[in-house]
Protein backbone atom coordinates (compact mmCIF):
# COMPACT_ATOMS: atom_id res chain seq x y z
CA MET A 1 -8.26 14.12 -13.48
CA ASN A 2 -11.81 12.84 -13.19
CA TYR A 3 -11.83 12.29 -9.63
CA LYS A 4 -15.82 11.11 -9.75
CA VAL A 5 -14.70 8.10 -11.87
CA MET A 6 -11.73 7.27 -9.67
CA LEU A 7 -13.59 7.49 -6.43
CA ALA A 8 -16.81 5.33 -8.00
CA LYS A 9 -14.21 2.68 -8.11
CA VAL A 10 -13.47 2.55 -4.27
CA LEU A 11 -16.20 4.14 -2.60
CA SER A 12 -20.08 2.78 -1.89
CA GLU A 13 -22.95 4.92 -3.70
CA LYS A 14 -23.65 6.60 -0.40
CA GLU A 15 -20.02 7.49 0.33
CA LEU A 16 -19.46 9.15 -3.16
CA ALA A 17 -22.54 11.21 -2.76
CA ASP A 18 -21.59 12.48 0.47
CA MET A 19 -18.17 13.66 -0.98
CA ASP A 20 -18.07 17.10 -2.19
CA ILE A 21 -15.88 16.75 -5.17
CA LYS A 22 -16.38 19.85 -6.41
CA LYS A 23 -14.56 22.01 -4.07
CA ILE A 24 -11.46 19.73 -4.10
CA LYS A 25 -8.90 20.87 -6.71
CA GLU A 26 -5.49 19.07 -5.41
CA ASP A 27 -4.54 15.41 -5.41
CA ASP A 28 -3.11 15.31 -2.05
CA ALA A 29 -6.03 17.40 -0.43
CA LEU A 30 -8.17 14.37 -2.01
CA LEU A 31 -6.03 11.91 -0.47
CA GLU A 32 -5.95 13.53 2.94
CA LYS A 33 -10.18 13.59 3.06
CA LEU A 34 -10.32 9.80 1.98
CA ILE A 35 -7.67 9.06 4.93
CA ARG A 36 -9.40 11.67 6.98
CA LYS A 37 -13.09 9.89 6.42
CA GLU A 38 -11.10 6.37 6.80
CA TYR A 39 -11.95 5.48 3.07
CA ALA A 40 -7.98 4.78 2.93
CA LEU A 41 -5.81 3.77 5.52
CA VAL A 42 -2.24 4.65 6.16
CA VAL A 43 0.27 1.98 7.58
CA ASP A 44 3.86 2.41 8.27
CA TRP A 45 6.03 -0.58 6.88
CA SER A 46 7.13 -1.44 10.23
CA GLY A 47 3.86 -2.55 11.52
CA GLU A 48 0.15 -1.74 12.50
CA GLU A 49 -0.41 1.05 15.01
CA GLY A 50 -2.33 -1.40 17.01
CA ASN A 51 -4.08 -4.59 17.45
CA ASN A 52 -6.76 -5.17 14.54
CA TYR A 53 -5.87 -1.85 12.63
CA LEU A 54 -6.12 -3.54 9.44
CA PHE A 55 -8.49 -5.89 10.47
CA ASN A 56 -10.95 -3.12 11.41
CA PHE A 57 -10.22 -1.21 8.24
CA PHE A 58 -10.99 -4.08 5.90
CA ASN A 59 -13.91 -4.95 7.63
CA GLN A 60 -15.60 -1.56 7.88
CA ARG A 61 -14.78 -0.97 3.92
CA THR A 62 -16.34 -4.63 3.22
CA VAL A 63 -19.57 -3.48 5.25
CA SER A 64 -19.49 -0.35 2.91
CA LEU A 65 -18.82 -2.04 -0.10
CA LEU A 66 -20.68 -5.11 0.21
CA GLY A 67 -23.21 -4.37 3.57
CA ARG A 68 -21.81 -7.74 5.25
CA GLN A 69 -19.05 -8.15 7.49
CA LEU A 70 -15.73 -9.94 6.72
CA ASP A 71 -16.07 -13.67 7.33
CA ILE A 72 -12.80 -14.21 9.29
CA SER A 73 -12.29 -13.17 13.09
CA SER A 74 -10.14 -10.37 13.97
CA ASN A 75 -7.41 -12.71 15.28
CA GLU A 76 -6.97 -14.97 12.45
CA VAL A 77 -4.64 -12.97 10.89
CA TYR A 78 -2.32 -13.01 13.77
CA GLN A 79 -2.53 -16.78 14.52
CA GLN A 80 -1.31 -17.61 10.77
CA PHE A 81 1.19 -15.16 10.75
CA ASP A 82 2.91 -17.07 13.85
CA LYS A 83 2.33 -20.42 12.16
CA ASP A 84 3.60 -19.34 8.82
CA ILE A 85 6.66 -17.38 9.88
CA ASP A 86 9.30 -18.90 11.55
CA THR A 87 11.21 -15.96 12.55
CA PRO A 88 9.57 -13.07 11.95
CA LYS A 89 11.14 -9.47 11.67
CA ARG A 90 10.31 -5.96 11.66
CA GLY A 91 8.52 -5.25 8.76
CA ASP A 92 7.08 -8.87 7.94
CA PHE A 93 3.63 -8.50 9.22
CA VAL A 94 1.87 -5.74 6.86
CA PRO A 95 2.88 -7.42 3.64
CA PHE A 96 1.86 -10.62 5.04
CA ALA A 97 -1.45 -9.17 6.28
CA LEU A 98 -2.31 -7.31 2.70
CA GLU A 99 -1.78 -10.80 1.07
CA TYR A 100 -4.31 -12.63 4.06
CA PHE A 101 -6.51 -10.06 3.64
CA ASP A 102 -6.42 -9.73 -0.15
CA LYS A 103 -7.05 -13.54 -0.40
CA HIS A 104 -10.29 -13.37 1.89
CA LEU A 105 -11.65 -10.23 -0.02
CA LYS A 106 -10.99 -11.91 -3.32
CA SER A 107 -13.46 -14.55 -2.33
CA ASN A 108 -15.90 -11.87 -1.61
CA GLY A 109 -15.23 -9.96 -5.04
CA LEU A 110 -13.23 -7.16 -3.81
CA ARG A 111 -9.04 -6.86 -3.95
CA VAL A 112 -6.84 -4.73 -1.94
CA VAL A 113 -5.47 -1.88 -3.61
CA LEU A 114 -2.00 -0.12 -2.71
CA LEU A 115 -1.22 3.68 -4.03
CA ASP A 116 2.43 3.98 -4.50
CA MET A 117 3.60 7.59 -3.08
CA GLY A 118 7.09 6.42 -3.20
CA ASN A 119 7.76 6.38 0.33
CA ASP A 120 7.85 4.12 3.46
CA THR A 121 4.19 4.16 4.23
CA TYR A 122 1.41 2.00 2.72
CA TYR A 123 -1.45 3.75 1.16
CA ILE A 124 -4.37 1.23 1.42
CA PHE A 125 -7.84 0.96 -0.57
CA VAL A 126 -10.47 -1.58 -1.32
CA ALA A 127 -12.47 -2.00 -4.41
CA PRO A 128 -14.34 -4.43 -6.39
CA LYS A 129 -12.30 -6.88 -8.40
CA THR A 130 -13.03 -5.52 -11.76
CA ASP A 131 -12.55 -1.85 -10.71
CA ALA A 132 -9.47 -2.64 -8.92
CA ASP A 133 -7.88 -3.67 -12.10
CA ARG A 134 -9.10 -0.50 -13.89
CA LEU A 135 -7.32 1.65 -11.05
CA THR A 136 -3.97 0.37 -11.90
CA LYS A 137 -4.59 1.67 -15.62
CA ILE A 138 -5.37 5.02 -14.42
CA LYS A 139 -2.71 7.31 -16.26
CA SER A 140 -1.50 9.66 -13.25
CA THR A 141 1.62 10.76 -11.83
CA PHE A 142 -0.11 10.80 -8.56
CA TRP A 143 -2.69 8.12 -8.49
CA LYS A 144 -0.41 5.06 -9.37
CA PHE A 145 -2.55 2.25 -7.83
CA LYS A 146 -1.15 -1.32 -7.60
CA LEU A 147 -2.71 -4.86 -6.78
CA VAL A 148 -0.95 -6.52 -3.56
CA SER A 149 1.76 -8.85 -4.98
CA PHE A 150 4.61 -10.11 -2.70
CA GLN A 151 4.86 -13.30 -4.22
CA ASN A 152 8.63 -13.55 -4.98
CA LYS A 153 9.26 -12.23 -1.61
CA THR A 154 12.32 -9.87 -2.76
CA PRO A 155 13.57 -7.70 -0.10
CA LEU A 156 12.76 -4.32 0.75
CA TYR A 157 15.80 -1.83 0.38
CA VAL A 158 16.54 0.67 2.82
CA ALA A 159 18.88 3.61 1.74
CA ASN A 160 19.96 5.61 4.45
CA CYS A 161 21.72 8.75 2.73
CA PRO A 162 25.23 9.37 4.32
CA LYS A 163 25.02 13.04 2.92
CA CYS A 164 21.78 14.44 4.09
CA GLY A 165 20.30 11.72 6.36
CA ASN A 166 17.41 10.78 4.35
CA ILE A 167 15.83 7.20 4.46
CA GLN A 168 14.41 6.02 1.24
CA PHE A 169 12.87 2.59 0.77
CA PHE A 170 12.92 0.61 -2.61
CA GLY A 171 10.53 -2.54 -3.26
CA LEU A 172 7.91 -1.61 -0.41
CA ASP A 173 4.36 -2.14 -2.17
CA THR A 174 5.52 -4.31 -4.72
CA ASP A 175 8.57 -6.57 -5.52
CA ILE A 176 11.35 -4.62 -7.26
CA ASP A 177 13.71 -6.39 -9.63
CA GLU A 178 17.25 -5.80 -8.56
CA LYS A 179 18.29 -4.88 -12.36
CA ASN A 180 15.80 -1.73 -11.47
CA LEU A 181 17.92 -0.25 -8.79
CA ALA A 182 20.57 0.71 -11.21
CA GLY A 183 20.89 4.40 -10.99
CA LYS A 184 18.68 5.37 -8.35
CA SER A 185 19.59 8.27 -5.92
CA CYS A 186 18.39 10.08 -3.05
CA SER A 187 15.46 12.17 -3.64
CA ASP A 188 16.63 14.92 -1.49
CA CYS A 189 20.15 15.90 -2.48
CA GLY A 190 20.94 13.36 -5.18
CA THR A 191 23.41 11.31 -3.78
CA LEU A 192 23.93 8.21 -5.70
CA PHE A 193 22.56 4.96 -4.31
CA TRP A 194 23.56 2.21 -6.95
CA ASP A 195 25.29 3.41 -10.02
CA ASP A 196 24.20 2.43 -13.46
CA ASN A 197 25.13 -1.52 -13.28
CA GLY A 198 23.11 -1.78 -10.05
CA ASN A 199 26.48 -1.84 -8.06
CA GLU A 200 25.62 -0.32 -4.37
CA MET A 201 27.17 3.11 -3.72
CA VAL A 202 26.22 3.52 -0.53
CA GLU A 203 25.23 0.87 2.49
CA ILE A 204 21.81 -0.64 1.87
CA GLU A 205 20.03 -2.67 4.57
CA LYS A 206 17.70 -5.58 3.37
CA TYR A 207 14.48 -6.76 4.93
CA TYR A 208 13.18 -10.12 3.77
């Protein structure tokens, strides 16, 4: 994996020059460093850690990549969420906010990009439009990037394994077709969540 080529798509020239890439040999070590330097943001599916958590990140990345701030105020996303979502539920805000910021970033030539780590957390990056598309084509079992897409509003499926207690999420960062759940099982103990026909074998919670 050529880290420099990949990082050039999500970092400014100065940020890339400041990264000591040669010393990094493992994917997870690189991801941890990107998070520590605030070049990537980690957000739990249930919501922000505090007010303006997402706004501050997107604003900072816009400044780094374009040399200017976002053209919206920090409270606009909350106002729009309250206006558009009649009965908000836990987990509704983050996907709404990601789409909201992605729309505004697109008008400035940037995109929100998500790293699919197969867990209950959003790993968020910002990249120029053309580079964002290229990131999604990277052939890697670790660096699996996706653009923001919640248009179909399919539910987030939450499976609480009755055998080992592991909680797994399906359809977190992108919509998932129900037929693609067939055969899904617990990553820890192998307990089957859906059979080969897509029938639920354990209790599955759905969040819309």
